[in-house]
Amino acid sequence: MNKYKNIIIIESSSIIYEGLANILMKISQKYQLTQAGSLEEANRLLIKKRYDIVIVNPLFIFNNIKSFNEIKCQYSSIKWVGLIYSYFDLKLLSLFDGTISISDSHEAIFSFFSKLNSNENQQDQVSSQEILSEREIDVLKLLAKGMANKEIASRLNISTNTVITHRKNISIKTGIKSISGLTIYAVVQKLVSIENLSD
């Protein structure tokens, strides 16, 4: 990165803000971080200064989805990242460009922001189709629907060991290990729709 990145973290907990800020500063000294206690406060900050990334606890948009979408449309060049530390509806999480969890390792967070930063000069964020192979996407879609390795192997007519290998590759490429995290990833990347998850 050749320039400073301005980041707003919408989070009222000082412990969570300080912990995330500490990790982000280890990733890059070129991050300039600002804490906001609400969506409205973040909007006031966005009016005054150019920001590149906004990390937001979804609780702050849960009852303000309309306002959130309006702000997102107004500042379309900003990457909006959900900070997850409890269960949230997948429909809500699909509003973000990506998500991180407070249970993510330093390496997973580093990988996520490295990918986010590497996409800054491209018109569109690299789609998962370019990151994952076609077969890995097939496996991910079935994982998101709650299928076990044997079921996926049977559906795709491949061995269970091959499914396990694909799962390892998916986790390495996305930096996500949990099934719930991969499901959220699949929804955010529009590989599966929320309506199709129960099929």
Protein backbone atom coordinates (compact mmCIF):
# COMPACT_ATOMS: atom_id res chain seq x y z
CA MET A 1 0.00 0.00 0.00
CA ASN A 2 1.35 3.37 -0.93
CA LYS A 3 -1.09 5.59 0.92
CA TYR A 4 -2.80 5.85 4.24
CA LYS A 5 -6.12 4.06 4.58
CA ASN A 6 -8.75 5.73 6.69
CA ILE A 7 -10.97 3.32 8.58
CA ILE A 8 -14.01 3.90 10.77
CA ILE A 9 -14.87 1.21 13.29
CA ILE A 10 -18.51 1.50 14.41
CA GLU A 11 -18.36 -0.21 17.78
CA SER A 12 -19.29 1.05 21.23
CA SER A 13 -17.16 -1.47 23.17
CA SER A 14 -13.73 -0.01 23.92
CA ILE A 15 -12.28 -3.48 24.48
CA ILE A 16 -13.38 -4.73 21.06
CA TYR A 17 -12.36 -1.49 19.33
CA GLU A 18 -8.91 -1.47 20.97
CA GLY A 19 -8.35 -5.17 20.22
CA LEU A 20 -9.30 -4.81 16.56
CA ALA A 21 -7.31 -1.56 16.26
CA ASN A 22 -4.25 -3.35 17.68
CA ILE A 23 -4.56 -6.17 15.12
CA LEU A 24 -5.09 -3.73 12.23
CA MET A 25 -2.05 -1.67 13.22
CA LYS A 26 0.04 -4.86 13.16
CA ILE A 27 -1.21 -5.50 9.63
CA SER A 28 -0.26 -2.01 8.46
CA GLN A 29 1.06 1.14 10.10
CA LYS A 30 -0.64 3.02 7.25
CA TYR A 31 -4.12 2.54 8.73
CA GLN A 32 -5.66 5.58 10.40
CA LEU A 33 -8.48 4.44 12.66
CA THR A 34 -11.45 6.33 14.04
CA GLN A 35 -14.08 4.96 16.42
CA ALA A 36 -17.75 5.82 16.00
CA GLY A 37 -20.41 4.94 18.55
CA SER A 38 -23.30 4.90 16.07
CA LEU A 39 -24.21 4.85 12.40
CA GLU A 40 -25.18 8.52 12.64
CA GLU A 41 -21.79 9.44 14.11
CA ALA A 42 -20.07 7.51 11.31
CA ASN A 43 -22.15 9.38 8.74
CA ARG A 44 -21.02 12.72 10.23
CA LEU A 45 -17.40 11.55 9.96
CA LEU A 46 -17.91 10.48 6.33
CA ILE A 47 -19.16 13.96 5.46
CA LYS A 48 -16.00 15.58 6.83
CA LYS A 49 -13.29 13.23 5.52
CA ARG A 50 -12.67 10.52 2.92
CA TYR A 51 -12.70 7.01 4.35
CA ASP A 52 -11.82 3.76 2.61
CA ILE A 53 -13.26 1.11 4.92
CA VAL A 54 -16.03 1.09 7.50
CA ILE A 55 -16.11 -1.83 9.94
CA VAL A 56 -19.46 -2.05 11.67
CA ASN A 57 -21.05 -4.17 14.34
CA PRO A 58 -24.31 -5.33 12.64
CA LEU A 59 -26.24 -4.45 15.81
CA PHE A 60 -25.92 -0.81 14.73
CA ILE A 61 -27.75 -1.41 11.48
CA PHE A 62 -30.22 -4.07 12.63
CA ASN A 63 -33.03 -1.51 13.06
CA ASN A 64 -31.53 1.04 10.64
CA ILE A 65 -31.23 -0.97 7.42
CA LYS A 66 -32.83 1.78 5.34
CA SER A 67 -30.39 4.42 6.68
CA PHE A 68 -27.48 2.01 6.23
CA ASN A 69 -28.40 1.36 2.59
CA GLU A 70 -28.73 5.10 1.94
CA ILE A 71 -25.28 5.77 3.41
CA LYS A 72 -23.82 2.83 1.45
CA CYS A 73 -25.26 4.20 -1.79
CA GLN A 74 -23.95 7.69 -1.03
CA TYR A 75 -20.43 6.36 -0.35
CA SER A 76 -20.28 3.52 -2.88
CA SER A 77 -16.46 3.44 -3.06
CA ILE A 78 -16.19 2.47 0.61
CA LYS A 79 -15.78 -1.18 1.61
CA TRP A 80 -18.32 -2.10 4.31
CA VAL A 81 -17.17 -4.88 6.63
CA GLY A 82 -19.35 -6.58 9.25
CA LEU A 83 -17.76 -7.27 12.65
CA ILE A 84 -19.45 -10.45 13.87
CA TYR A 85 -19.52 -11.70 17.43
CA SER A 86 -23.00 -13.15 17.77
CA TYR A 87 -25.61 -14.71 15.51
CA PHE A 88 -27.01 -12.46 12.79
CA ASP A 89 -29.49 -13.19 10.04
CA LEU A 90 -27.76 -14.00 6.75
CA LYS A 91 -29.95 -11.46 4.96
CA LEU A 92 -28.47 -8.75 7.18
CA LEU A 93 -24.91 -10.01 6.66
CA SER A 94 -25.37 -10.05 2.89
CA LEU A 95 -25.48 -6.22 3.01
CA PHE A 96 -21.72 -6.16 3.71
CA ASP A 97 -18.81 -6.46 1.28
CA GLY A 98 -17.33 -8.99 3.69
CA THR A 99 -17.30 -10.01 7.34
CA ILE A 100 -14.77 -10.71 10.05
CA SER A 101 -15.44 -12.41 13.36
CA ILE A 102 -13.94 -11.68 16.74
CA SER A 103 -13.07 -15.38 16.88
CA ASP A 104 -10.97 -15.10 13.69
CA SER A 105 -7.24 -15.63 14.07
CA HIS A 106 -4.76 -12.82 13.39
CA GLU A 107 -3.82 -14.67 10.20
CA ALA A 108 -7.45 -14.82 8.99
CA ILE A 109 -7.95 -11.10 9.64
CA PHE A 110 -4.63 -10.32 7.96
CA SER A 111 -5.65 -12.42 4.96
CA PHE A 112 -9.06 -10.73 4.76
CA PHE A 113 -7.63 -7.21 4.79
CA SER A 114 -4.82 -8.14 2.42
CA LYS A 115 -7.43 -9.31 -0.09
CA LEU A 116 -9.52 -6.20 0.54
CA ASN A 117 -6.47 -3.98 -0.02
CA SER A 118 -5.31 -5.85 -3.11
CA ASN A 119 -8.68 -5.11 -4.70
CA GLU A 120 -8.55 -1.34 -4.17
CA ASN A 121 -7.25 -0.50 -7.64
CA GLN A 122 -9.67 -2.79 -9.44
CA GLN A 123 -13.06 -1.56 -10.56
CA ASP A 124 -14.83 -4.48 -8.93
CA GLN A 125 -13.77 -6.64 -6.05
CA VAL A 126 -12.33 -9.93 -7.26
CA SER A 127 -15.23 -12.34 -7.28
CA SER A 128 -15.07 -15.68 -5.55
CA GLN A 129 -15.26 -17.34 -8.95
CA GLU A 130 -11.73 -16.01 -9.61
CA ILE A 131 -10.49 -17.11 -6.19
CA LEU A 132 -12.13 -20.53 -6.07
CA SER A 133 -12.19 -23.18 -8.78
CA GLU A 134 -15.53 -24.23 -10.27
CA ARG A 135 -15.49 -27.48 -8.31
CA GLU A 136 -14.63 -25.66 -5.08
CA ILE A 137 -17.61 -23.37 -5.69
CA ASP A 138 -19.83 -26.46 -6.19
CA VAL A 139 -18.59 -27.88 -2.89
CA LEU A 140 -19.05 -24.54 -1.11
CA LYS A 141 -22.65 -24.21 -2.34
CA LEU A 142 -23.51 -27.65 -0.98
CA LEU A 143 -21.68 -26.97 2.30
CA ALA A 144 -23.74 -23.79 2.69
CA LYS A 145 -26.88 -25.89 2.29
CA GLY A 146 -25.79 -28.00 5.27
CA MET A 147 -24.67 -31.13 3.44
CA ALA A 148 -22.10 -33.48 4.98
CA ASN A 149 -18.95 -34.59 3.13
CA LYS A 150 -20.49 -37.94 2.09
CA GLU A 151 -23.62 -36.24 0.75
CA ILE A 152 -21.52 -33.76 -1.24
CA ALA A 153 -19.37 -36.60 -2.62
CA SER A 154 -22.47 -38.49 -3.71
CA ARG A 155 -24.10 -35.40 -5.26
CA LEU A 156 -20.95 -34.40 -7.21
CA ASN A 157 -19.91 -37.98 -7.99
CA ILE A 158 -16.48 -37.58 -6.39
CA SER A 159 -14.77 -39.28 -3.45
CA THR A 160 -15.15 -38.11 0.14
CA ASN A 161 -11.37 -37.51 0.25
CA THR A 162 -11.68 -35.18 -2.75
CA VAL A 163 -14.44 -33.26 -0.94
CA ILE A 164 -12.19 -32.93 2.12
CA THR A 165 -9.34 -31.66 -0.10
CA HIS A 166 -11.67 -29.10 -1.70
CA ARG A 167 -12.82 -27.97 1.76
CA LYS A 168 -9.22 -27.47 2.87
CA ASN A 169 -8.49 -25.43 -0.27
CA ILE A 170 -11.63 -23.33 0.24
CA SER A 171 -10.60 -22.59 3.84
CA ILE A 172 -7.05 -21.68 2.79
CA LYS A 173 -8.20 -19.42 -0.05
CA THR A 174 -10.95 -17.64 1.91
CA GLY A 175 -9.26 -17.68 5.33
CA ILE A 176 -12.52 -19.07 6.78
CA LYS A 177 -12.63 -22.37 8.65
CA SER A 178 -16.13 -22.65 10.15
CA ILE A 179 -19.20 -23.86 8.24
CA SER A 180 -21.19 -20.82 9.42
CA GLY A 181 -18.43 -18.50 8.20
CA LEU A 182 -18.30 -20.25 4.82
CA THR A 183 -22.09 -20.03 4.55
CA ILE A 184 -21.95 -16.29 5.19
CA TYR A 185 -19.15 -16.01 2.62
CA ALA A 186 -21.23 -17.89 0.03
CA VAL A 187 -24.21 -15.59 0.63
CA VAL A 188 -22.12 -12.39 0.57
CA GLN A 189 -20.43 -13.52 -2.66
CA LYS A 190 -23.91 -14.28 -4.08
CA LEU A 191 -23.03 -17.92 -4.73
CA VAL A 192 -26.18 -18.98 -2.91
CA SER A 193 -29.31 -17.06 -2.05
CA ILE A 194 -30.75 -17.12 1.45
CA GLU A 195 -33.96 -18.62 0.05
CA ASN A 196 -32.03 -21.58 -1.42
CA LEU A 197 -30.21 -22.48 1.80
CA SER A 198 -33.13 -24.53 3.08
CA ASP A 199 -33.63 -26.44 -0.20
